[in-house]
Each structure stands twice: as C-alpha cells, then as structure tokens.
PDB file of N, CA and C in Angstrom:
ATOM      1  N   MET A   1       3.521 -20.091  -1.484  1.00  0.00           N
ATOM      2  CA  MET A   1       2.305 -20.988  -1.241  1.00  0.00           C
ATOM      3  C   MET A   1       2.638 -22.175  -2.167  1.00  0.00           C
ATOM      4  N   GLY A   2       2.721 -23.428  -1.379  1.00  0.00           N
ATOM      5  CA  GLY A   2       2.967 -24.610  -2.040  1.00  0.00           C
ATOM      6  C   GLY A   2       1.889 -25.149  -2.946  1.00  0.00           C
ATOM      7  N   LEU A   3       2.161 -25.984  -3.813  1.00  0.00           N
ATOM      8  CA  LEU A   3       1.161 -26.489  -4.888  1.00  0.00           C
ATOM      9  C   LEU A   3      -0.026 -27.161  -4.209  1.00  0.00           C
ATOM     10  N   GLN A   4       0.387 -27.994  -3.163  1.00  0.00           N
ATOM     11  CA  GLN A   4      -0.828 -28.723  -2.459  1.00  0.00           C
ATOM     12  C   GLN A   4      -1.669 -27.697  -1.672  1.00  0.00           C
ATOM     13  N   GLN A   5      -1.015 -26.793  -1.102  1.00  0.00           N
ATOM     14  CA  GLN A   5      -1.839 -25.788  -0.408  1.00  0.00           C
ATOM     15  C   GLN A   5      -2.670 -24.972  -1.345  1.00  0.00           C
ATOM     16  N   GLU A   6      -2.037 -24.629  -2.510  1.00  0.00           N
ATOM     17  CA  GLU A   6      -2.919 -23.793  -3.570  1.00  0.00           C
ATOM     18  C   GLU A   6      -4.049 -24.613  -4.097  1.00  0.00           C
ATOM     19  N   THR A   7      -3.876 -25.896  -4.381  1.00  0.00           N
ATOM     20  CA  THR A   7      -5.018 -26.644  -4.936  1.00  0.00           C
ATOM     21  C   THR A   7      -6.209 -26.772  -3.927  1.00  0.00           C
ATOM     22  N   SER A   8      -5.939 -26.705  -2.628  1.00  0.00           N
ATOM     23  CA  SER A   8      -6.950 -26.730  -1.706  1.00  0.00           C
ATOM     24  C   SER A   8      -7.873 -25.498  -1.560  1.00  0.00           C
ATOM     25  N   LEU A   9      -7.321 -24.351  -2.264  1.00  0.00           N
ATOM     26  CA  LEU A   9      -7.999 -23.134  -2.363  1.00  0.00           C
ATOM     27  C   LEU A   9      -9.081 -23.143  -3.417  1.00  0.00           C
ATOM     28  N   SER A  10     -10.229 -22.515  -3.204  1.00  0.00           N
ATOM     29  CA  SER A  10     -11.238 -22.458  -4.299  1.00  0.00           C
ATOM     30  C   SER A  10     -10.621 -21.539  -5.368  1.00  0.00           C
ATOM     31  N   SER A  11     -11.288 -21.723  -6.676  1.00  0.00           N
ATOM     32  CA  SER A  11     -10.838 -20.929  -7.719  1.00  0.00           C
ATOM     33  C   SER A  11     -11.048 -19.473  -7.476  1.00  0.00           C
ATOM     34  N   GLU A  12     -12.148 -19.087  -6.792  1.00  0.00           N
ATOM     35  CA  GLU A  12     -12.476 -17.751  -6.553  1.00  0.00           C
ATOM     36  C   GLU A  12     -11.249 -17.237  -5.481  1.00  0.00           C
ATOM     37  N   CYS A  13     -10.929 -17.993  -4.585  1.00  0.00           N
ATOM     38  CA  CYS A  13      -9.882 -17.524  -3.609  1.00  0.00           C
ATOM     39  C   CYS A  13      -8.481 -17.311  -4.360  1.00  0.00           C
ATOM     40  N   ILE A  14      -8.179 -18.252  -5.285  1.00  0.00           N
ATOM     41  CA  ILE A  14      -7.011 -18.069  -6.229  1.00  0.00           C
ATOM     42  C   ILE A  14      -7.086 -16.918  -7.020  1.00  0.00           C
ATOM     43  N   TRP A  15      -8.278 -16.570  -7.535  1.00  0.00           N
ATOM     44  CA  TRP A  15      -8.545 -15.370  -8.413  1.00  0.00           C
ATOM     45  C   TRP A  15      -8.234 -14.071  -7.660  1.00  0.00           C
ATOM     46  N   GLN A  16      -8.750 -14.149  -6.365  1.00  0.00           N
ATOM     47  CA  GLN A  16      -8.598 -13.027  -5.432  1.00  0.00           C
ATOM     48  C   GLN A  16      -7.132 -12.684  -5.056  1.00  0.00           C
ATOM     49  N   LEU A  17      -6.458 -13.903  -4.723  1.00  0.00           N
ATOM     50  CA  LEU A  17      -5.027 -13.728  -4.426  1.00  0.00           C
ATOM     51  C   LEU A  17      -4.208 -13.279  -5.594  1.00  0.00           C
ATOM     52  N   ARG A  18      -4.533 -13.549  -6.834  1.00  0.00           N
ATOM     53  CA  ARG A  18      -3.899 -13.097  -7.984  1.00  0.00           C
ATOM     54  C   ARG A  18      -4.114 -11.535  -8.057  1.00  0.00           C
ATOM     55  N   ALA A  19      -5.395 -11.184  -7.820  1.00  0.00           N
ATOM     56  CA  ALA A  19      -5.674  -9.650  -7.839  1.00  0.00           C
ATOM     57  C   ALA A  19      -4.850  -9.012  -6.928  1.00  0.00           C
ATOM     58  N   ILE A  20      -4.771  -9.494  -5.724  1.00  0.00           N
ATOM     59  CA  ILE A  20      -4.068  -8.775  -4.685  1.00  0.00           C
ATOM     60  C   ILE A  20      -2.578  -8.584  -5.129  1.00  0.00           C
ATOM     61  N   LYS A  21      -2.030  -9.737  -5.617  1.00  0.00           N
ATOM     62  CA  LYS A  21      -0.618  -9.729  -6.134  1.00  0.00           C
ATOM     63  C   LYS A  21      -0.523  -8.698  -7.226  1.00  0.00           C
ATOM     64  N   ASP A  22      -1.257  -8.720  -8.189  1.00  0.00           N
ATOM     65  CA  ASP A  22      -1.289  -7.663  -9.286  1.00  0.00           C
ATOM     66  C   ASP A  22      -1.307  -6.252  -8.656  1.00  0.00           C
ATOM     67  N   THR A  23      -2.120  -5.983  -7.818  1.00  0.00           N
ATOM     68  CA  THR A  23      -2.382  -4.658  -7.343  1.00  0.00           C
ATOM     69  C   THR A  23      -1.054  -4.308  -6.575  1.00  0.00           C
ATOM     70  N   MET A  24      -0.532  -5.223  -5.675  1.00  0.00           N
ATOM     71  CA  MET A  24       0.539  -4.925  -5.033  1.00  0.00           C
ATOM     72  C   MET A  24       1.824  -4.632  -5.765  1.00  0.00           C
ATOM     73  N   GLU A  25       1.978  -5.487  -6.781  1.00  0.00           N
ATOM     74  CA  GLU A  25       3.062  -5.232  -7.760  1.00  0.00           C
ATOM     75  C   GLU A  25       3.078  -3.818  -8.418  1.00  0.00           C
ATOM     76  N   LEU A  26       1.708  -3.586  -8.931  1.00  0.00           N
ATOM     77  CA  LEU A  26       1.613  -2.231  -9.558  1.00  0.00           C
ATOM     78  C   LEU A  26       1.777  -1.038  -8.691  1.00  0.00           C
ATOM     79  N   LEU A  27       1.290  -1.036  -7.380  1.00  0.00           N
ATOM     80  CA  LEU A  27       1.391   0.081  -6.519  1.00  0.00           C
ATOM     81  C   LEU A  27       2.572  -0.010  -5.511  1.00  0.00           C
ATOM     82  N   SER A  28       3.346  -0.947  -5.685  1.00  0.00           N
ATOM     83  CA  SER A  28       4.552  -1.321  -4.877  1.00  0.00           C
ATOM     84  C   SER A  28       5.449  -0.056  -4.738  1.00  0.00           C
ATOM     85  N   GLY A  29       6.315  -0.084  -3.671  1.00  0.00           N
ATOM     86  CA  GLY A  29       7.354   0.971  -3.546  1.00  0.00           C
ATOM     87  C   GLY A  29       6.936   2.213  -2.688  1.00  0.00           C
ATOM     88  N   LYS A  30       7.695   3.052  -2.359  1.00  0.00           N
ATOM     89  CA  LYS A  30       7.404   4.206  -1.521  1.00  0.00           C
ATOM     90  C   LYS A  30       6.627   5.305  -2.098  1.00  0.00           C
ATOM     91  N   TRP A  31       6.577   5.391  -3.478  1.00  0.00           N
ATOM     92  CA  TRP A  31       6.148   6.626  -4.057  1.00  0.00           C
ATOM     93  C   TRP A  31       4.804   6.529  -4.902  1.00  0.00           C
ATOM     94  N   LYS A  32       4.563   5.401  -5.485  1.00  0.00           N
ATOM     95  CA  LYS A  32       3.542   5.297  -6.503  1.00  0.00           C
ATOM     96  C   LYS A  32       2.166   5.658  -5.928  1.00  0.00           C
ATOM     97  N   ILE A  33       1.806   5.134  -4.635  1.00  0.00           N
ATOM     98  CA  ILE A  33       0.482   5.468  -4.052  1.00  0.00           C
ATOM     99  C   ILE A  33       0.529   7.035  -3.713  1.00  0.00           C
ATOM    100  N   GLN A  34       1.671   7.560  -3.200  1.00  0.00           N
ATOM    101  CA  GLN A  34       1.763   8.921  -3.065  1.00  0.00           C
ATOM    102  C   GLN A  34       1.633   9.844  -4.225  1.00  0.00           C
ATOM    103  N   ILE A  35       2.194   9.434  -5.440  1.00  0.00           N
ATOM    104  CA  ILE A  35       1.937  10.122  -6.568  1.00  0.00           C
ATOM    105  C   ILE A  35       0.481  10.165  -7.001  1.00  0.00           C
ATOM    106  N   ILE A  36      -0.170   9.000  -6.928  1.00  0.00           N
ATOM    107  CA  ILE A  36      -1.628   8.986  -7.268  1.00  0.00           C
ATOM    108  C   ILE A  36      -2.386   9.828  -6.237  1.00  0.00           C
ATOM    109  N   GLY A  37      -2.101   9.724  -4.972  1.00  0.00           N
ATOM    110  CA  GLY A  37      -2.760  10.533  -3.924  1.00  0.00           C
ATOM    111  C   GLY A  37      -2.530  11.994  -4.281  1.00  0.00           C
ATOM    112  N   THR A  38      -1.394  12.399  -4.662  1.00  0.00           N
ATOM    113  CA  THR A  38      -1.194  13.839  -4.897  1.00  0.00           C
ATOM    114  C   THR A  38      -1.960  14.268  -6.160  1.00  0.00           C
ATOM    115  N   LEU A  39      -1.975  13.483  -7.257  1.00  0.00           N
ATOM    116  CA  LEU A  39      -2.868  13.821  -8.336  1.00  0.00           C
ATOM    117  C   LEU A  39      -4.322  13.825  -8.061  1.00  0.00           C
ATOM    118  N   LEU A  40      -4.756  12.929  -7.235  1.00  0.00           N
ATOM    119  CA  LEU A  40      -6.044  12.852  -6.837  1.00  0.00           C
ATOM    120  C   LEU A  40      -6.473  14.192  -6.117  1.00  0.00           C
ATOM    121  N   ARG A  41      -5.677  14.651  -5.295  1.00  0.00           N
ATOM    122  CA  ARG A  41      -6.030  15.818  -4.411  1.00  0.00           C
ATOM    123  C   ARG A  41      -5.649  17.152  -5.158  1.00  0.00           C
ATOM    124  N   GLY A  42      -4.481  17.162  -5.963  1.00  0.00           N
ATOM    125  CA  GLY A  42      -4.085  18.358  -6.661  1.00  0.00           C
ATOM    126  C   GLY A  42      -4.464  18.392  -7.989  1.00  0.00           C
ATOM    127  N   GLY A  43      -5.058  17.460  -8.702  1.00  0.00           N
ATOM    128  CA  GLY A  43      -5.429  17.599 -10.073  1.00  0.00           C
ATOM    129  C   GLY A  43      -4.122  17.543 -10.992  1.00  0.00           C
ATOM    130  N   THR A  44      -4.231  18.057 -12.144  1.00  0.00           N
ATOM    131  CA  THR A  44      -3.297  18.079 -13.107  1.00  0.00           C
ATOM    132  C   THR A  44      -1.998  18.782 -12.561  1.00  0.00           C
ATOM    133  N   MET A  45      -0.825  18.297 -12.720  1.00  0.00           N
ATOM    134  CA  MET A  45       0.454  18.885 -12.265  1.00  0.00           C
ATOM    135  C   MET A  45       1.547  18.707 -13.149  1.00  0.00           C
ATOM    136  N   ARG A  46       2.421  19.469 -13.097  1.00  0.00           N
ATOM    137  CA  ARG A  46       3.711  19.490 -13.794  1.00  0.00           C
ATOM    138  C   ARG A  46       4.727  18.646 -13.090  1.00  0.00           C
ATOM    139  N   PHE A  47       5.706  18.265 -13.765  1.00  0.00           N
ATOM    140  CA  PHE A  47       6.745  17.389 -13.126  1.00  0.00           C
ATOM    141  C   PHE A  47       7.332  17.969 -11.941  1.00  0.00           C
ATOM    142  N   MET A  48       7.792  19.161 -11.926  1.00  0.00           N
ATOM    143  CA  MET A  48       8.289  19.870 -10.759  1.00  0.00           C
ATOM    144  C   MET A  48       7.427  20.214  -9.719  1.00  0.00           C
ATOM    145  N   GLU A  49       6.162  20.407 -10.036  1.00  0.00           N
ATOM    146  CA  GLU A  49       5.104  20.461  -9.031  1.00  0.00           C
ATOM    147  C   GLU A  49       4.973  19.199  -8.197  1.00  0.00           C
ATOM    148  N   LEU A  50       4.975  18.136  -8.888  1.00  0.00           N
ATOM    149  CA  LEU A  50       4.858  16.823  -8.369  1.00  0.00           C
ATOM    150  C   LEU A  50       6.195  16.489  -7.470  1.00  0.00           C
ATOM    151  N   LYS A  51       7.318  16.996  -7.996  1.00  0.00           N
ATOM    152  CA  LYS A  51       8.623  16.662  -7.219  1.00  0.00           C
ATOM    153  C   LYS A  51       8.594  17.478  -5.922  1.00  0.00           C
ATOM    154  N   ARG A  52       8.103  18.739  -5.994  1.00  0.00           N
ATOM    155  CA  ARG A  52       8.026  19.450  -4.697  1.00  0.00           C
ATOM    156  C   ARG A  52       7.002  18.865  -3.658  1.00  0.00           C
ATOM    157  N   ALA A  53       5.881  18.568  -4.372  1.00  0.00           N
ATOM    158  CA  ALA A  53       4.723  17.970  -3.429  1.00  0.00           C
ATOM    159  C   ALA A  53       5.342  16.712  -2.756  1.00  0.00           C
ATOM    160  N   LEU A  54       6.075  15.890  -3.499  1.00  0.00           N
ATOM    161  CA  LEU A  54       6.609  14.640  -3.000  1.00  0.00           C
ATOM    162  C   LEU A  54       8.002  14.922  -2.500  1.00  0.00           C
ATOM    163  N   ASN A  55       8.023  15.537  -1.357  1.00  0.00           N
ATOM    164  CA  ASN A  55       9.292  15.975  -0.746  1.00  0.00           C
ATOM    165  C   ASN A  55      10.162  14.783  -0.645  1.00  0.00           C
ATOM    166  N   GLY A  56      11.318  14.835  -1.305  1.00  0.00           N
ATOM    167  CA  GLY A  56      12.385  13.757  -1.040  1.00  0.00           C
ATOM    168  C   GLY A  56      12.554  12.769  -2.184  1.00  0.00           C
ATOM    169  N   ILE A  57      11.677  12.730  -3.227  1.00  0.00           N
ATOM    170  CA  ILE A  57      11.712  11.747  -4.312  1.00  0.00           C
ATOM    171  C   ILE A  57      12.767  12.371  -5.333  1.00  0.00           C
ATOM    172  N   ALA A  58      13.607  11.350  -5.782  1.00  0.00           N
ATOM    173  CA  ALA A  58      14.674  11.784  -6.687  1.00  0.00           C
ATOM    174  C   ALA A  58      13.935  11.965  -8.118  1.00  0.00           C
ATOM    175  N   PRO A  59      14.417  12.790  -8.907  1.00  0.00           N
ATOM    176  CA  PRO A  59      13.829  13.063 -10.379  1.00  0.00           C
ATOM    177  C   PRO A  59      13.725  11.772 -11.134  1.00  0.00           C
ATOM    178  N   LYS A  60      14.812  10.937 -11.067  1.00  0.00           N
ATOM    179  CA  LYS A  60      14.816   9.713 -11.840  1.00  0.00           C
ATOM    180  C   LYS A  60      13.702   8.781 -11.418  1.00  0.00           C
ATOM    181  N   LYS A  61      13.567   8.598 -10.138  1.00  0.00           N
ATOM    182  CA  LYS A  61      12.524   7.835  -9.610  1.00  0.00           C
ATOM    183  C   LYS A  61      11.185   8.270  -9.829  1.00  0.00           C
ATOM    184  N   LEU A  62      10.943   9.537  -9.846  1.00  0.00           N
ATOM    185  CA  LEU A  62       9.731  10.185 -10.199  1.00  0.00           C
ATOM    186  C   LEU A  62       9.322   9.898 -11.656  1.00  0.00           C
ATOM    187  N   SER A  63      10.297  10.074 -12.418  1.00  0.00           N
ATOM    188  CA  SER A  63      10.242   9.830 -13.928  1.00  0.00           C
ATOM    189  C   SER A  63       9.880   8.302 -14.282  1.00  0.00           C
ATOM    190  N   ASN A  64      10.538   7.520 -13.536  1.00  0.00           N
ATOM    191  CA  ASN A  64      10.243   5.963 -13.717  1.00  0.00           C
ATOM    192  C   ASN A  64       8.860   5.522 -13.321  1.00  0.00           C
ATOM    193  N   ASP A  65       8.650   6.163 -12.036  1.00  0.00           N
ATOM    194  CA  ASP A  65       7.316   5.804 -11.601  1.00  0.00           C
ATOM    195  C   ASP A  65       6.036   6.405 -12.424  1.00  0.00           C
ATOM    196  N   LEU A  66       6.374   7.578 -12.793  1.00  0.00           N
ATOM    197  CA  LEU A  66       5.267   8.227 -13.758  1.00  0.00           C
ATOM    198  C   LEU A  66       5.160   7.391 -15.013  1.00  0.00           C
ATOM    199  N   GLN A  67       6.319   6.919 -15.564  1.00  0.00           N
ATOM    200  CA  GLN A  67       6.230   6.163 -16.859  1.00  0.00           C
ATOM    201  C   GLN A  67       5.481   4.784 -16.513  1.00  0.00           C
ATOM    202  N   GLU A  68       5.822   4.060 -15.516  1.00  0.00           N
ATOM    203  CA  GLU A  68       5.086   2.862 -15.134  1.00  0.00           C
ATOM    204  C   GLU A  68       3.613   3.032 -14.885  1.00  0.00           C
ATOM    205  N   LEU A  69       3.273   4.060 -14.230  1.00  0.00           N
ATOM    206  CA  LEU A  69       1.778   4.587 -14.027  1.00  0.00           C
ATOM    207  C   LEU A  69       1.118   4.720 -15.440  1.00  0.00           C
ATOM    208  N   GLU A  70       1.874   5.326 -16.279  1.00  0.00           N
ATOM    209  CA  GLU A  70       1.375   5.628 -17.518  1.00  0.00           C
ATOM    210  C   GLU A  70       1.022   4.380 -18.426  1.00  0.00           C
ATOM    211  N   VAL A  71       2.086   3.522 -18.403  1.00  0.00           N
ATOM    212  CA  VAL A  71       1.956   2.224 -19.155  1.00  0.00           C
ATOM    213  C   VAL A  71       0.812   1.420 -18.533  1.00  0.00           C
ATOM    214  N   ASN A  72       0.452   1.578 -17.282  1.00  0.00           N
ATOM    215  CA  ASN A  72      -0.684   0.860 -16.682  1.00  0.00           C
ATOM    216  C   ASN A  72      -1.931   1.601 -16.727  1.00  0.00           C
ATOM    217  N   LYS A  73      -1.961   2.782 -17.579  1.00  0.00           N
ATOM    218  CA  LYS A  73      -3.199   3.433 -17.797  1.00  0.00           C
ATOM    219  C   LYS A  73      -3.856   4.068 -16.585  1.00  0.00           C
ATOM    220  N   LEU A  74      -2.952   4.471 -15.622  1.00  0.00           N
ATOM    221  CA  LEU A  74      -3.459   5.168 -14.378  1.00  0.00           C
ATOM    222  C   LEU A  74      -3.178   6.751 -14.546  1.00  0.00           C
ATOM    223  N   ILE A  75      -2.320   7.130 -15.308  1.00  0.00           N
ATOM    224  CA  ILE A  75      -2.167   8.519 -15.481  1.00  0.00           C
ATOM    225  C   ILE A  75      -1.902   8.807 -16.945  1.00  0.00           C
ATOM    226  N   THR A  76      -2.022  10.087 -17.273  1.00  0.00           N
ATOM    227  CA  THR A  76      -1.726  10.362 -18.701  1.00  0.00           C
ATOM    228  C   THR A  76      -0.576  11.562 -18.685  1.00  0.00           C
ATOM    229  N   ARG A  77       0.102  11.520 -19.593  1.00  0.00           N
ATOM    230  CA  ARG A  77       1.160  12.544 -19.816  1.00  0.00           C
ATOM    231  C   ARG A  77       0.987  13.452 -21.029  1.00  0.00           C
ATOM    232  N   GLU A  78       0.827  14.683 -20.792  1.00  0.00           N
ATOM    233  CA  GLU A  78       0.570  15.479 -21.998  1.00  0.00           C
ATOM    234  C   GLU A  78       1.652  16.518 -22.235  1.00  0.00           C
ATOM    235  N   VAL A  79       2.184  16.529 -23.291  1.00  0.00           N
ATOM    236  CA  VAL A  79       3.209  17.545 -23.622  1.00  0.00           C
ATOM    237  C   VAL A  79       2.539  18.777 -24.228  1.00  0.00           C
ATOM    238  N   LYS A  80       2.721  19.937 -23.671  1.00  0.00           N
ATOM    239  CA  LYS A  80       2.257  21.232 -24.111  1.00  0.00           C
ATOM    240  C   LYS A  80       3.269  21.865 -25.117  1.00  0.00           C
ATOM    241  N   ASP A  81       2.559  22.511 -26.014  1.00  0.00           N
ATOM    242  CA  ASP A  81       3.498  23.258 -27.140  1.00  0.00           C
ATOM    243  C   ASP A  81       3.745  24.579 -26.656  1.00  0.00           C
ATOM    244  N   THR A  82       4.632  24.697 -25.651  1.00  0.00           N
ATOM    245  CA  THR A  82       5.042  25.897 -25.002  1.00  0.00           C
ATOM    246  C   THR A  82       6.609  26.031 -25.129  1.00  0.00           C
ATOM    247  N   LYS A  83       6.935  27.167 -24.876  1.00  0.00           N
ATOM    248  CA  LYS A  83       8.414  27.370 -24.780  1.00  0.00           C
ATOM    249  C   LYS A  83       8.847  27.823 -23.392  1.00  0.00           C
ATOM    250  N   PRO A  84       9.582  27.126 -22.634  1.00  0.00           N
ATOM    251  CA  PRO A  84      10.082  25.748 -22.901  1.00  0.00           C
ATOM    252  C   PRO A  84       8.802  24.837 -22.730  1.00  0.00           C
ATOM    253  N   ILE A  85       9.106  23.617 -23.353  1.00  0.00           N
ATOM    254  CA  ILE A  85       8.011  22.596 -23.356  1.00  0.00           C
ATOM    255  C   ILE A  85       7.495  22.324 -21.972  1.00  0.00           C
ATOM    256  N   THR A  86       6.270  22.253 -21.840  1.00  0.00           N
ATOM    257  CA  THR A  86       5.634  21.826 -20.494  1.00  0.00           C
ATOM    258  C   THR A  86       5.014  20.443 -20.596  1.00  0.00           C
ATOM    259  N   VAL A  87       5.299  19.606 -19.538  1.00  0.00           N
ATOM    260  CA  VAL A  87       4.694  18.333 -19.477  1.00  0.00           C
ATOM    261  C   VAL A  87       3.695  18.286 -18.241  1.00  0.00           C
ATOM    262  N   GLU A  88       2.554  17.872 -18.461  1.00  0.00           N
ATOM    263  CA  GLU A  88       1.512  17.787 -17.398  1.00  0.00           C
ATOM    264  C   GLU A  88       1.162  16.381 -17.250  1.00  0.00           C
ATOM    265  N   TYR A  89       0.883  16.044 -15.927  1.00  0.00           N
ATOM    266  CA  TYR A  89       0.422  14.745 -15.630  1.00  0.00           C
ATOM    267  C   TYR A  89      -0.938  14.689 -14.930  1.00  0.00           C
ATOM    268  N   SER A  90      -1.817  13.837 -15.294  1.00  0.00           N
ATOM    269  CA  SER A  90      -3.102  13.702 -14.649  1.00  0.00           C
ATOM    270  C   SER A  90      -3.541  12.278 -14.573  1.00  0.00           C
ATOM    271  N   LEU A  91      -4.521  12.169 -13.754  1.00  0.00           N
ATOM    272  CA  LEU A  91      -5.145  10.763 -13.575  1.00  0.00           C
ATOM    273  C   LEU A  91      -6.054  10.496 -14.685  1.00  0.00           C
ATOM    274  N   THR A  92      -6.044   9.213 -15.236  1.00  0.00           N
ATOM    275  CA  THR A  92      -7.076   8.834 -16.151  1.00  0.00           C
ATOM    276  C   THR A  92      -8.416   8.509 -15.327  1.00  0.00           C
ATOM    277  N   GLU A  93      -9.382   8.157 -15.985  1.00  0.00           N
ATOM    278  CA  GLU A  93     -10.678   7.735 -15.364  1.00  0.00           C
ATOM    279  C   GLU A  93     -10.460   6.502 -14.574  1.00  0.00           C
ATOM    280  N   HIS A  94      -9.566   5.524 -15.206  1.00  0.00           N
ATOM    281  CA  HIS A  94      -9.214   4.413 -14.411  1.00  0.00           C
ATOM    282  C   HIS A  94      -8.418   4.578 -13.282  1.00  0.00           C
ATOM    283  N   GLY A  95      -7.487   5.562 -13.314  1.00  0.00           N
ATOM    284  CA  GLY A  95      -6.648   5.996 -12.098  1.00  0.00           C
ATOM    285  C   GLY A  95      -7.449   6.548 -11.083  1.00  0.00           C
ATOM    286  N   LYS A  96      -8.580   7.249 -11.414  1.00  0.00           N
ATOM    287  CA  LYS A  96      -9.427   7.834 -10.390  1.00  0.00           C
ATOM    288  C   LYS A  96     -10.167   6.826  -9.663  1.00  0.00           C
ATOM    289  N   THR A  97     -10.356   5.757 -10.187  1.00  0.00           N
ATOM    290  CA  THR A  97     -11.051   4.654  -9.436  1.00  0.00           C
ATOM    291  C   THR A  97     -10.276   4.114  -8.155  1.00  0.00           C
ATOM    292  N   LEU A  98      -9.053   4.657  -8.000  1.00  0.00           N
ATOM    293  CA  LEU A  98      -8.244   4.338  -6.829  1.00  0.00           C
ATOM    294  C   LEU A  98      -8.601   5.359  -5.672  1.00  0.00           C
ATOM    295  N   ASP A  99      -9.387   6.303  -5.739  1.00  0.00           N
ATOM    296  CA  ASP A  99      -9.688   7.332  -4.963  1.00  0.00           C
ATOM    297  C   ASP A  99     -10.185   6.675  -3.536  1.00  0.00           C
ATOM    298  N   SER A 100     -11.199   5.612  -3.673  1.00  0.00           N
ATOM    299  CA  SER A 100     -11.610   5.220  -2.374  1.00  0.00           C
ATOM    300  C   SER A 100     -10.531   4.246  -1.570  1.00  0.00           C
ATOM    301  N   LEU A 101      -9.705   3.700  -2.570  1.00  0.00           N
ATOM    302  CA  LEU A 101      -8.561   2.871  -1.862  1.00  0.00           C
ATOM    303  C   LEU A 101      -7.599   3.838  -1.095  1.00  0.00           C
ATOM    304  N   ILE A 102      -7.203   4.972  -1.856  1.00  0.00           N
ATOM    305  CA  ILE A 102      -6.398   5.900  -1.249  1.00  0.00           C
ATOM    306  C   ILE A 102      -6.958   6.519  -0.007  1.00  0.00           C
ATOM    307  N   ALA A 103      -8.233   6.855  -0.076  1.00  0.00           N
ATOM    308  CA  ALA A 103      -9.012   7.302   1.230  1.00  0.00           C
ATOM    309  C   ALA A 103      -8.892   6.344   2.300  1.00  0.00           C
ATOM    310  N   GLU A 104      -9.128   5.015   2.006  1.00  0.00           N
ATOM    311  CA  GLU A 104      -9.021   4.035   2.947  1.00  0.00           C
ATOM    312  C   GLU A 104      -7.594   4.020   3.685  1.00  0.00           C
ATOM    313  N   ILE A 105      -6.494   4.095   2.679  1.00  0.00           N
ATOM    314  CA  ILE A 105      -5.155   4.025   3.269  1.00  0.00           C
ATOM    315  C   ILE A 105      -4.935   5.320   4.156  1.00  0.00           C
ATOM    316  N   ILE A 106      -5.322   6.452   3.802  1.00  0.00           N
ATOM    317  CA  ILE A 106      -5.255   7.624   4.585  1.00  0.00           C
ATOM    318  C   ILE A 106      -5.914   7.421   5.934  1.00  0.00           C
ATOM    319  N   GLU A 107      -7.072   6.938   5.990  1.00  0.00           N
ATOM    320  CA  GLU A 107      -7.837   6.713   7.212  1.00  0.00           C
ATOM    321  C   GLU A 107      -7.073   5.730   7.988  1.00  0.00           C
ATOM    322  N   TRP A 108      -6.699   4.664   7.468  1.00  0.00           N
ATOM    323  CA  TRP A 108      -6.047   3.532   8.368  1.00  0.00           C
ATOM    324  C   TRP A 108      -4.677   4.201   8.845  1.00  0.00           C
ATOM    325  N   GLY A 109      -3.947   4.801   7.959  1.00  0.00           N
ATOM    326  CA  GLY A 109      -2.685   5.505   8.425  1.00  0.00           C
ATOM    327  C   GLY A 109      -2.820   6.431   9.610  1.00  0.00           C
ATOM    328  N   CYS A 110      -3.861   7.310   9.587  1.00  0.00           N
ATOM    329  CA  CYS A 110      -4.112   8.201  10.666  1.00  0.00           C
ATOM    330  C   CYS A 110      -4.442   7.377  12.006  1.00  0.00           C
ATOM    331  N   THR A 111      -5.299   6.427  11.815  1.00  0.00           N
ATOM    332  CA  THR A 111      -5.736   5.611  12.907  1.00  0.00           C
ATOM    333  C   THR A 111      -4.420   4.832  13.542  1.00  0.00           C
ATOM    334  N   HIS A 112      -3.650   4.322  12.645  1.00  0.00           N
ATOM    335  CA  HIS A 112      -2.549   3.571  13.017  1.00  0.00           C
ATOM    336  C   HIS A 112      -1.495   4.476  13.717  1.00  0.00           C
ATOM    337  N   ARG A 113      -1.359   5.662  13.149  1.00  0.00           N
ATOM    338  CA  ARG A 113      -0.392   6.704  13.873  1.00  0.00           C
ATOM    339  C   ARG A 113      -0.827   6.852  15.294  1.00  0.00           C
ATOM    340  N   LYS A 114      -2.259   7.166  15.454  1.00  0.00           N
ATOM    341  CA  LYS A 114      -2.757   7.550  16.788  1.00  0.00           C
ATOM    342  C   LYS A 114      -2.488   6.318  17.718  1.00  0.00           C
ATOM    343  N   GLU A 115      -2.649   5.169  17.260  1.00  0.00           N
ATOM    344  CA  GLU A 115      -2.585   3.877  18.012  1.00  0.00           C
ATOM    345  C   GLU A 115      -1.189   3.726  18.446  1.00  0.00           C
ATOM    346  N   ILE A 116      -0.160   3.943  17.529  1.00  0.00           N
ATOM    347  CA  ILE A 116       1.208   3.753  17.952  1.00  0.00           C
ATOM    348  C   ILE A 116       1.689   4.956  18.969  1.00  0.00           C
ATOM    349  N   ILE A 117       1.254   6.108  18.715  1.00  0.00           N
ATOM    350  CA  ILE A 117       1.693   7.317  19.477  1.00  0.00           C
ATOM    351  C   ILE A 117       0.995   7.242  20.780  1.00  0.00           C
ATOM    352  N   THR A 118      -0.278   6.955  20.869  1.00  0.00           N
ATOM    353  CA  THR A 118      -0.912   6.983  22.192  1.00  0.00           C
ATOM    354  C   THR A 118      -0.975   5.647  22.885  1.00  0.00           C
ATOM    355  N   GLY A 119      -0.753   4.573  22.087  1.00  0.00           N
ATOM    356  CA  GLY A 119      -0.716   3.222  22.738  1.00  0.00           C
ATOM    357  C   GLY A 119      -2.015   2.859  23.259  1.00  0.00           C
TER     358      GLY A 119
END
C-alpha cells in the first residue's frame, strides 16, 4: 500500500489492517492453525501425539511452530518429571480465545469444499 493511499485511510482502518497483518504473521503457514485446532479439540497432548494427529508434519517443523506459539503465549509447554522425560503442550487461556476463529475457519472450509466439489 503506497504512502498516499495509506494516509487517506482512517486511523481506525490503519489499526485494523495492522491487526490483520499481526494475526496473519502469527498464524501463517500450513501448520500453526492446525496445531491450535488440534489442541482445542484434543486438550493437552504430548509431542508425538501431536505429530501423529498432524499427519505429515516434520518433527523439526512441529518443534519450531510449537516454540513460536509458546513465545506468543498461545500454548504452554510443561516438562514432566518422568522417566523418560515427558513434555506436554496445551493452550493458554489466551490461546483458547482462538476457538471461535478456528470454528469459523472450519465452517468456511467445509462450505468452500462443498462449493468446489458440487459447483
């Protein structure tokens, strides 16, 4: 968006566009929304449980996305004092606020799939 075009927007519109950009940057990629959706539906999960649920994700990608979601306070990582050590992931209260967004994405995706398949 050019400077002249940006200055013609209201401050509220600029604020909203920044919020969209922040959200898209945080949730971008193939897996982050799926990770959040899995934890919303499955509750607390171990790394390998998440990996199995997210069929096709590479362990390094899962680890990196989990770290980024943790830094952004959407999930917590709890190391259990077991042998071998167990690590569990769950959504924070802040992460749970994405529930309605994820539900809307699911609903839109189902509707879109029907539209594309049935024309």
